[in-house]
Amino acid sequence: MMNVESYRQYAADCVRKAQGEETPEDRNILLNVALAWLRLARQTETMEAAADDDVGAEDESGLAADAADDGTEEAEPKDDAPRLAS
Protein backbone atom coordinates (compact mmCIF):
# COMPACT_ATOMS: atom_id res chain seq x y z
CA MET A 1 0.00 0.00 0.00
CA MET A 2 1.19 3.49 -0.75
CA ASN A 3 1.80 6.01 1.99
CA VAL A 4 0.62 9.52 2.75
CA GLU A 5 3.94 11.11 1.81
CA SER A 6 3.78 9.51 -1.64
CA TYR A 7 0.28 10.92 -2.15
CA ARG A 8 1.50 14.38 -1.21
CA GLN A 9 4.47 14.05 -3.54
CA TYR A 10 2.15 13.13 -6.42
CA ALA A 11 0.05 16.20 -5.61
CA ALA A 12 3.14 18.42 -5.70
CA ASP A 13 4.17 16.88 -9.02
CA CYS A 14 0.75 17.69 -10.47
CA VAL A 15 1.01 21.31 -9.30
CA ARG A 16 4.47 21.65 -10.91
CA LYS A 17 3.17 20.17 -14.16
CA ALA A 18 0.13 22.45 -14.05
CA GLN A 19 2.39 25.50 -13.96
CA GLY A 20 3.83 24.50 -17.33
CA GLU A 21 0.49 23.95 -19.08
CA GLU A 22 -0.54 26.41 -21.76
CA THR A 23 -4.31 26.33 -21.40
CA PRO A 24 -6.38 27.07 -18.29
CA GLU A 25 -8.34 23.88 -18.90
CA ASP A 26 -5.22 21.72 -18.77
CA ARG A 27 -3.99 23.56 -15.65
CA ASN A 28 -7.36 22.99 -13.96
CA ILE A 29 -7.30 19.29 -14.77
CA LEU A 30 -3.88 18.84 -13.19
CA LEU A 31 -4.80 20.98 -10.18
CA ASN A 32 -7.92 18.90 -9.65
CA VAL A 33 -5.83 15.73 -9.78
CA ALA A 34 -3.51 17.31 -7.20
CA LEU A 35 -6.52 18.00 -4.97
CA ALA A 36 -7.62 14.39 -5.33
CA TRP A 37 -4.19 13.20 -4.20
CA LEU A 38 -4.34 15.53 -1.19
CA ARG A 39 -7.82 14.28 -0.27
CA LEU A 40 -6.57 10.71 -0.46
CA ALA A 41 -3.67 11.63 1.83
CA ARG A 42 -6.06 13.17 4.36
CA GLN A 43 -8.43 10.18 4.20
CA THR A 44 -5.53 7.79 4.69
CA GLU A 45 -4.32 9.77 7.72
CA THR A 46 -7.82 9.68 9.19
CA MET A 47 -8.10 5.93 8.67
CA GLU A 48 -4.66 5.32 10.15
CA ALA A 49 -5.51 7.46 13.18
CA ALA A 50 -8.76 5.53 13.69
CA ALA A 51 -6.86 2.24 13.49
CA ASP A 52 -4.35 3.54 16.05
CA ASP A 53 -7.24 4.55 18.33
CA ASP A 54 -8.67 1.03 18.09
CA VAL A 55 -5.35 -0.40 19.22
CA GLY A 56 -5.26 2.11 22.07
CA ALA A 57 -8.73 1.02 23.22
CA GLU A 58 -7.35 -2.13 24.83
CA ASP A 59 -8.06 -2.49 28.53
CA GLU A 60 -5.58 -3.57 31.21
CA SER A 61 -6.06 -7.25 30.44
CA GLY A 62 -4.79 -6.67 26.91
CA LEU A 63 -8.14 -7.47 25.36
CA ALA A 64 -9.89 -5.01 23.13
CA ALA A 65 -12.78 -3.11 24.70
CA ASP A 66 -15.12 -5.02 22.40
CA ALA A 67 -15.11 -8.73 23.23
CA ALA A 68 -12.77 -10.76 21.09
CA ASP A 69 -14.55 -13.05 18.69
CA ASP A 70 -13.05 -16.27 19.97
CA GLY A 71 -16.26 -18.25 19.85
CA THR A 72 -16.65 -18.44 23.63
CA GLU A 73 -19.59 -16.06 23.87
CA GLU A 74 -23.08 -17.42 23.49
CA ALA A 75 -25.02 -15.88 20.65
CA GLU A 76 -28.39 -14.41 21.51
CA PRO A 77 -31.19 -16.07 19.52
CA LYS A 78 -32.94 -13.87 17.03
CA ASP A 79 -36.54 -12.97 17.84
CA ASP A 80 -37.84 -15.07 14.96
CA ALA A 81 -35.76 -18.12 15.95
CA PRO A 82 -37.55 -20.85 17.95
CA ARG A 83 -36.47 -20.90 21.58
CA LEU A 84 -35.85 -24.11 23.44
CA ALA A 85 -37.15 -24.55 26.96
CA SER A 86 -34.44 -24.99 29.59
C-alpha atoms as a PDB file:
ATOM      1  CA  MET A   1       0.000   0.000   0.000  1.00  0.00           C
ATOM      2  CA  MET A   2       1.188   3.494  -0.752  1.00  0.00           C
ATOM      3  CA  ASN A   3       1.801   6.013   1.988  1.00  0.00           C
ATOM      4  CA  VAL A   4       0.624   9.518   2.754  1.00  0.00           C
ATOM      5  CA  GLU A   5       3.941  11.112   1.815  1.00  0.00           C
ATOM      6  CA  SER A   6       3.778   9.507  -1.642  1.00  0.00           C
ATOM      7  CA  TYR A   7       0.285  10.915  -2.151  1.00  0.00           C
ATOM      8  CA  ARG A   8       1.500  14.378  -1.206  1.00  0.00           C
ATOM      9  CA  GLN A   9       4.469  14.050  -3.541  1.00  0.00           C
ATOM     10  CA  TYR A  10       2.153  13.130  -6.422  1.00  0.00           C
ATOM     11  CA  ALA A  11       0.053  16.197  -5.613  1.00  0.00           C
ATOM     12  CA  ALA A  12       3.141  18.419  -5.697  1.00  0.00           C
ATOM     13  CA  ASP A  13       4.174  16.878  -9.023  1.00  0.00           C
ATOM     14  CA  CYS A  14       0.748  17.687 -10.467  1.00  0.00           C
ATOM     15  CA  VAL A  15       1.013  21.306  -9.301  1.00  0.00           C
ATOM     16  CA  ARG A  16       4.470  21.648 -10.914  1.00  0.00           C
ATOM     17  CA  LYS A  17       3.165  20.169 -14.161  1.00  0.00           C
ATOM     18  CA  ALA A  18       0.126  22.449 -14.053  1.00  0.00           C
ATOM     19  CA  GLN A  19       2.393  25.503 -13.960  1.00  0.00           C
ATOM     20  CA  GLY A  20       3.831  24.500 -17.332  1.00  0.00           C
ATOM     21  CA  GLU A  21       0.495  23.947 -19.077  1.00  0.00           C
ATOM     22  CA  GLU A  22      -0.543  26.410 -21.763  1.00  0.00           C
ATOM     23  CA  THR A  23      -4.309  26.328 -21.404  1.00  0.00           C
ATOM     24  CA  PRO A  24      -6.377  27.074 -18.289  1.00  0.00           C
ATOM     25  CA  GLU A  25      -8.339  23.876 -18.901  1.00  0.00           C
ATOM     26  CA  ASP A  26      -5.216  21.724 -18.768  1.00  0.00           C
ATOM     27  CA  ARG A  27      -3.993  23.555 -15.654  1.00  0.00           C
ATOM     28  CA  ASN A  28      -7.359  22.991 -13.964  1.00  0.00           C
ATOM     29  CA  ILE A  29      -7.301  19.291 -14.768  1.00  0.00           C
ATOM     30  CA  LEU A  30      -3.876  18.843 -13.194  1.00  0.00           C
ATOM     31  CA  LEU A  31      -4.797  20.980 -10.182  1.00  0.00           C
ATOM     32  CA  ASN A  32      -7.925  18.903  -9.645  1.00  0.00           C
ATOM     33  CA  VAL A  33      -5.833  15.735  -9.783  1.00  0.00           C
ATOM     34  CA  ALA A  34      -3.510  17.315  -7.204  1.00  0.00           C
ATOM     35  CA  LEU A  35      -6.517  18.000  -4.965  1.00  0.00           C
ATOM     36  CA  ALA A  36      -7.623  14.391  -5.332  1.00  0.00           C
ATOM     37  CA  TRP A  37      -4.186  13.195  -4.196  1.00  0.00           C
ATOM     38  CA  LEU A  38      -4.337  15.534  -1.186  1.00  0.00           C
ATOM     39  CA  ARG A  39      -7.821  14.282  -0.272  1.00  0.00           C
ATOM     40  CA  LEU A  40      -6.567  10.714  -0.464  1.00  0.00           C
ATOM     41  CA  ALA A  41      -3.666  11.626   1.826  1.00  0.00           C
ATOM     42  CA  ARG A  42      -6.063  13.169   4.358  1.00  0.00           C
ATOM     43  CA  GLN A  43      -8.431  10.178   4.203  1.00  0.00           C
ATOM     44  CA  THR A  44      -5.526   7.792   4.694  1.00  0.00           C
ATOM     45  CA  GLU A  45      -4.324   9.774   7.716  1.00  0.00           C
ATOM     46  CA  THR A  46      -7.822   9.681   9.192  1.00  0.00           C
ATOM     47  CA  MET A  47      -8.103   5.931   8.673  1.00  0.00           C
ATOM     48  CA  GLU A  48      -4.662   5.317  10.154  1.00  0.00           C
ATOM     49  CA  ALA A  49      -5.515   7.464  13.182  1.00  0.00           C
ATOM     50  CA  ALA A  50      -8.759   5.529  13.689  1.00  0.00           C
ATOM     51  CA  ALA A  51      -6.858   2.242  13.487  1.00  0.00           C
ATOM     52  CA  ASP A  52      -4.354   3.542  16.046  1.00  0.00           C
ATOM     53  CA  ASP A  53      -7.243   4.551  18.329  1.00  0.00           C
ATOM     54  CA  ASP A  54      -8.668   1.027  18.091  1.00  0.00           C
ATOM     55  CA  VAL A  55      -5.350  -0.402  19.219  1.00  0.00           C
ATOM     56  CA  GLY A  56      -5.262   2.113  22.067  1.00  0.00           C
ATOM     57  CA  ALA A  57      -8.725   1.022  23.224  1.00  0.00           C
ATOM     58  CA  GLU A  58      -7.347  -2.135  24.834  1.00  0.00           C
ATOM     59  CA  ASP A  59      -8.059  -2.488  28.526  1.00  0.00           C
ATOM     60  CA  GLU A  60      -5.579  -3.568  31.206  1.00  0.00           C
ATOM     61  CA  SER A  61      -6.060  -7.254  30.436  1.00  0.00           C
ATOM     62  CA  GLY A  62      -4.790  -6.671  26.911  1.00  0.00           C
ATOM     63  CA  LEU A  63      -8.139  -7.474  25.361  1.00  0.00           C
ATOM     64  CA  ALA A  64      -9.895  -5.015  23.134  1.00  0.00           C
ATOM     65  CA  ALA A  65     -12.776  -3.112  24.697  1.00  0.00           C
ATOM     66  CA  ASP A  66     -15.125  -5.018  22.402  1.00  0.00           C
ATOM     67  CA  ALA A  67     -15.107  -8.725  23.230  1.00  0.00           C
ATOM     68  CA  ALA A  68     -12.774 -10.758  21.090  1.00  0.00           C
ATOM     69  CA  ASP A  69     -14.549 -13.054  18.691  1.00  0.00           C
ATOM     70  CA  ASP A  70     -13.051 -16.267  19.968  1.00  0.00           C
ATOM     71  CA  GLY A  71     -16.263 -18.246  19.851  1.00  0.00           C
ATOM     72  CA  THR A  72     -16.650 -18.438  23.628  1.00  0.00           C
ATOM     73  CA  GLU A  73     -19.589 -16.062  23.869  1.00  0.00           C
ATOM     74  CA  GLU A  74     -23.083 -17.417  23.486  1.00  0.00           C
ATOM     75  CA  ALA A  75     -25.016 -15.882  20.649  1.00  0.00           C
ATOM     76  CA  GLU A  76     -28.391 -14.414  21.508  1.00  0.00           C
ATOM     77  CA  PRO A  77     -31.187 -16.072  19.525  1.00  0.00           C
ATOM     78  CA  LYS A  78     -32.942 -13.871  17.031  1.00  0.00           C
ATOM     79  CA  ASP A  79     -36.536 -12.967  17.843  1.00  0.00           C
ATOM     80  CA  ASP A  80     -37.835 -15.069  14.964  1.00  0.00           C
ATOM     81  CA  ALA A  81     -35.761 -18.118  15.950  1.00  0.00           C
ATOM     82  CA  PRO A  82     -37.547 -20.847  17.948  1.00  0.00           C
ATOM     83  CA  ARG A  83     -36.472 -20.904  21.582  1.00  0.00           C
ATOM     84  CA  LEU A  84     -35.853 -24.106  23.445  1.00  0.00           C
ATOM     85  CA  ALA A  85     -37.150 -24.549  26.963  1.00  0.00           C
ATOM     86  CA  SER A  86     -34.442 -24.993  29.594  1.00  0.00           C
END
